[in-house]
């Protein structure tokens, strides 16, 4: 029968859980900041392209192509950043799938 180890094994596990939560929180904050920087770049560059279009020609609205193309990438970045963590049920299903059960 296993014995409880002296030296606070339970406290170490609780400490590890806290470290894991802290790391997950830091990772999420980093992803949100990266998305915000991406969004600022998108708006700034595309506004500049619209100004160039307005000053030079005003014929065909050619900035639509970079706006839509880059916008698709921005939507995927948003999805990756804000879709949330997987549920325990989703994790268990994936583990079962990987085991082949």
C-alpha atoms as a PDB file:
ATOM      1  CA  UNK A   1       0.000   0.000   0.000  1.00  0.00           C
ATOM      2  CA  UNK A   2       1.532   3.355  -0.995  1.00  0.00           C
ATOM      3  CA  UNK A   3       2.357   5.747   1.770  1.00  0.00           C
ATOM      4  CA  UNK A   4       2.010   9.480   1.750  1.00  0.00           C
ATOM      5  CA  UNK A   5       5.363  11.008   1.027  1.00  0.00           C
ATOM      6  CA  UNK A   6       6.735  13.426   3.552  1.00  0.00           C
ATOM      7  CA  UNK A   7       7.592  16.840   2.244  1.00  0.00           C
ATOM      8  CA  UNK A   8       4.262  18.103   0.987  1.00  0.00           C
ATOM      9  CA  UNK A   9       3.530  16.155  -2.175  1.00  0.00           C
ATOM     10  CA  UNK A  10       0.005  17.534  -2.166  1.00  0.00           C
ATOM     11  CA  UNK A  11       1.319  21.098  -1.953  1.00  0.00           C
ATOM     12  CA  UNK A  12       3.627  20.448  -4.892  1.00  0.00           C
ATOM     13  CA  UNK A  13       0.694  19.227  -6.980  1.00  0.00           C
ATOM     14  CA  UNK A  14      -1.367  22.276  -6.045  1.00  0.00           C
ATOM     15  CA  UNK A  15       1.622  24.459  -6.879  1.00  0.00           C
ATOM     16  CA  UNK A  16       1.956  22.735 -10.262  1.00  0.00           C
ATOM     17  CA  UNK A  17      -1.723  23.329 -11.000  1.00  0.00           C
ATOM     18  CA  UNK A  18      -1.262  27.009 -10.178  1.00  0.00           C
ATOM     19  CA  UNK A  19       1.810  27.162 -12.430  1.00  0.00           C
ATOM     20  CA  UNK A  20      -0.123  25.503 -15.258  1.00  0.00           C
ATOM     21  CA  UNK A  21      -3.010  27.945 -14.855  1.00  0.00           C
ATOM     22  CA  UNK A  22      -0.601  30.871 -14.820  1.00  0.00           C
ATOM     23  CA  UNK A  23       1.093  29.640 -18.003  1.00  0.00           C
ATOM     24  CA  UNK A  24      -2.256  29.134 -19.755  1.00  0.00           C
ATOM     25  CA  UNK A  25      -3.321  32.647 -18.723  1.00  0.00           C
ATOM     26  CA  UNK A  26      -0.059  34.117 -20.013  1.00  0.00           C
ATOM     27  CA  UNK A  27      -0.444  32.245 -23.300  1.00  0.00           C
ATOM     28  CA  UNK A  28      -3.992  33.558 -23.765  1.00  0.00           C
ATOM     29  CA  UNK A  29      -2.934  37.130 -22.979  1.00  0.00           C
ATOM     30  CA  UNK A  30      -0.118  36.811 -25.514  1.00  0.00           C
ATOM     31  CA  UNK A  31      -2.496  35.506 -28.195  1.00  0.00           C
ATOM     32  CA  UNK A  32      -4.933  38.373 -27.551  1.00  0.00           C
ATOM     33  CA  UNK A  33      -2.165  40.972 -27.793  1.00  0.00           C
ATOM     34  CA  UNK A  34      -0.912  39.411 -31.032  1.00  0.00           C
ATOM     35  CA  UNK A  35      -4.423  39.553 -32.473  1.00  0.00           C
ATOM     36  CA  UNK A  36      -4.814  43.200 -31.444  1.00  0.00           C
ATOM     37  CA  UNK A  37      -1.510  44.062 -33.151  1.00  0.00           C
ATOM     38  CA  UNK A  38      -2.676  42.185 -36.267  1.00  0.00           C
ATOM     39  CA  UNK A  39      -5.965  44.107 -36.251  1.00  0.00           C
ATOM     40  CA  UNK A  40      -4.211  47.478 -35.883  1.00  0.00           C
ATOM     41  CA  UNK A  41      -1.876  46.638 -38.784  1.00  0.00           C
ATOM     42  CA  UNK A  42      -4.856  45.530 -40.915  1.00  0.00           C
ATOM     43  CA  UNK A  43      -6.809  48.721 -40.315  1.00  0.00           C
ATOM     44  CA  UNK A  44      -3.785  51.009 -40.744  1.00  0.00           C
ATOM     45  CA  UNK A  45      -2.441  49.460 -43.948  1.00  0.00           C
ATOM     46  CA  UNK A  46      -5.849  49.113 -45.573  1.00  0.00           C
ATOM     47  CA  UNK A  47      -6.814  52.685 -44.659  1.00  0.00           C
ATOM     48  CA  UNK A  48      -3.571  53.807 -46.304  1.00  0.00           C
ATOM     49  CA  UNK A  49      -4.426  51.790 -49.442  1.00  0.00           C
ATOM     50  CA  UNK A  50      -7.886  53.387 -49.593  1.00  0.00           C
ATOM     51  CA  UNK A  51      -6.299  56.847 -49.300  1.00  0.00           C
ATOM     52  CA  UNK A  52      -3.915  56.002 -52.170  1.00  0.00           C
ATOM     53  CA  UNK A  53      -6.881  54.830 -54.246  1.00  0.00           C
ATOM     54  CA  UNK A  54      -8.864  57.998 -53.433  1.00  0.00           C
ATOM     55  CA  UNK A  55      -5.974  60.321 -54.289  1.00  0.00           C
ATOM     56  CA  UNK A  56      -4.812  58.610 -57.473  1.00  0.00           C
ATOM     57  CA  UNK A  57      -7.688  57.262 -59.497  1.00  0.00           C
ATOM     58  CA  UNK A  58     -11.081  56.660 -57.941  1.00  0.00           C
ATOM     59  CA  UNK A  59     -11.902  54.307 -60.786  1.00  0.00           C
ATOM     60  CA  UNK A  60     -12.136  50.652 -59.891  1.00  0.00           C
ATOM     61  CA  UNK A  61     -11.923  50.091 -56.111  1.00  0.00           C
ATOM     62  CA  UNK A  62      -8.820  47.892 -56.219  1.00  0.00           C
ATOM     63  CA  UNK A  63      -8.167  47.968 -52.413  1.00  0.00           C
ATOM     64  CA  UNK A  64     -11.005  45.472 -52.099  1.00  0.00           C
ATOM     65  CA  UNK A  65      -8.583  42.663 -52.971  1.00  0.00           C
ATOM     66  CA  UNK A  66      -6.106  43.152 -50.110  1.00  0.00           C
ATOM     67  CA  UNK A  67      -8.962  44.067 -47.752  1.00  0.00           C
ATOM     68  CA  UNK A  68     -10.786  40.795 -48.453  1.00  0.00           C
ATOM     69  CA  UNK A  69      -7.681  38.601 -48.745  1.00  0.00           C
ATOM     70  CA  UNK A  70      -6.095  39.845 -45.546  1.00  0.00           C
ATOM     71  CA  UNK A  71      -9.518  39.947 -43.888  1.00  0.00           C
ATOM     72  CA  UNK A  72      -9.883  36.202 -44.348  1.00  0.00           C
ATOM     73  CA  UNK A  73      -6.595  35.674 -42.518  1.00  0.00           C
ATOM     74  CA  UNK A  74      -7.697  38.086 -39.799  1.00  0.00           C
ATOM     75  CA  UNK A  75     -10.933  36.141 -39.266  1.00  0.00           C
ATOM     76  CA  UNK A  76      -8.976  32.902 -38.833  1.00  0.00           C
ATOM     77  CA  UNK A  77      -6.634  34.633 -36.384  1.00  0.00           C
ATOM     78  CA  UNK A  78      -9.664  35.885 -34.416  1.00  0.00           C
ATOM     79  CA  UNK A  79     -11.145  32.381 -34.409  1.00  0.00           C
ATOM     80  CA  UNK A  80      -7.907  30.900 -33.090  1.00  0.00           C
ATOM     81  CA  UNK A  81      -7.639  33.564 -30.370  1.00  0.00           C
ATOM     82  CA  UNK A  82     -11.206  33.749 -29.061  1.00  0.00           C
ATOM     83  CA  UNK A  83     -12.830  30.366 -29.682  1.00  0.00           C
ATOM     84  CA  UNK A  84     -12.032  29.219 -26.128  1.00  0.00           C
ATOM     85  CA  UNK A  85     -10.494  26.195 -24.539  1.00  0.00           C
ATOM     86  CA  UNK A  86     -11.668  22.695 -25.479  1.00  0.00           C
ATOM     87  CA  UNK A  87     -14.081  21.080 -23.033  1.00  0.00           C
ATOM     88  CA  UNK A  88     -13.098  18.033 -20.991  1.00  0.00           C
ATOM     89  CA  UNK A  89     -15.564  16.000 -23.066  1.00  0.00           C
ATOM     90  CA  UNK A  90     -13.827  17.045 -26.299  1.00  0.00           C
ATOM     91  CA  UNK A  91     -10.429  16.194 -24.819  1.00  0.00           C
ATOM     92  CA  UNK A  92     -11.626  12.758 -23.695  1.00  0.00           C
ATOM     93  CA  UNK A  93     -13.135  11.997 -27.118  1.00  0.00           C
ATOM     94  CA  UNK A  94      -9.829  12.908 -28.789  1.00  0.00           C
ATOM     95  CA  UNK A  95      -7.879  10.709 -26.352  1.00  0.00           C
ATOM     96  CA  UNK A  96     -10.255   7.826 -27.089  1.00  0.00           C
ATOM     97  CA  UNK A  97      -9.875   8.397 -30.826  1.00  0.00           C
ATOM     98  CA  UNK A  98      -6.085   8.371 -30.566  1.00  0.00           C
ATOM     99  CA  UNK A  99      -6.201   5.136 -28.567  1.00  0.00           C
ATOM    100  CA  UNK A 100      -8.407   3.594 -31.245  1.00  0.00           C
ATOM    101  CA  UNK A 101     -11.341   2.902 -28.938  1.00  0.00           C
END
